[in-house]
Amino acid sequence: GASRRSLAERLEAWSGVCDAAAAGELADADASAALVSVVFASLREHDDKPSRVALARAVDAALTHSPAFLKAFAARLLKAASDKPQEMEPARRRELLRWSCALVRHLDLETQASALPH
């Protein structure tokens, strides 16, 4: 599983996500949904700084290049943030806040407001 990967393997994997996003490989809704699941699973598995930075870069690249990822990520983030935040560890709350800020930076509210769940 992902938790058994070495740090170098994790960093390389997230770098590959950046490349895939830039190449347009996350246009597919299923691919984007699968990546969102991996992103949120990694939140629970890896809290070392290099992994968090690599993950943040991958999320940023996916948000930049894939409207399908943005939509799936926004829905999952909203669900995660509303899931008893007072019971979350502070590190997880901080990461969700960072991801919320990243999402807002990538929204063009005129054209992408429909990406947000209502």
Foldseek 3Di string as FASTA:
>chain_A
DVLPDDLVVLLVVLVVLLVCLVVVVQQDLVSLLVVLVVLVVVLVRDDDPSNLVSSVSSLLSNLQRYLSNLLNNQVVLVVVCVPPPVPDDPSSVVSSVVSVVSSVVSDPCVPNVVSHDD
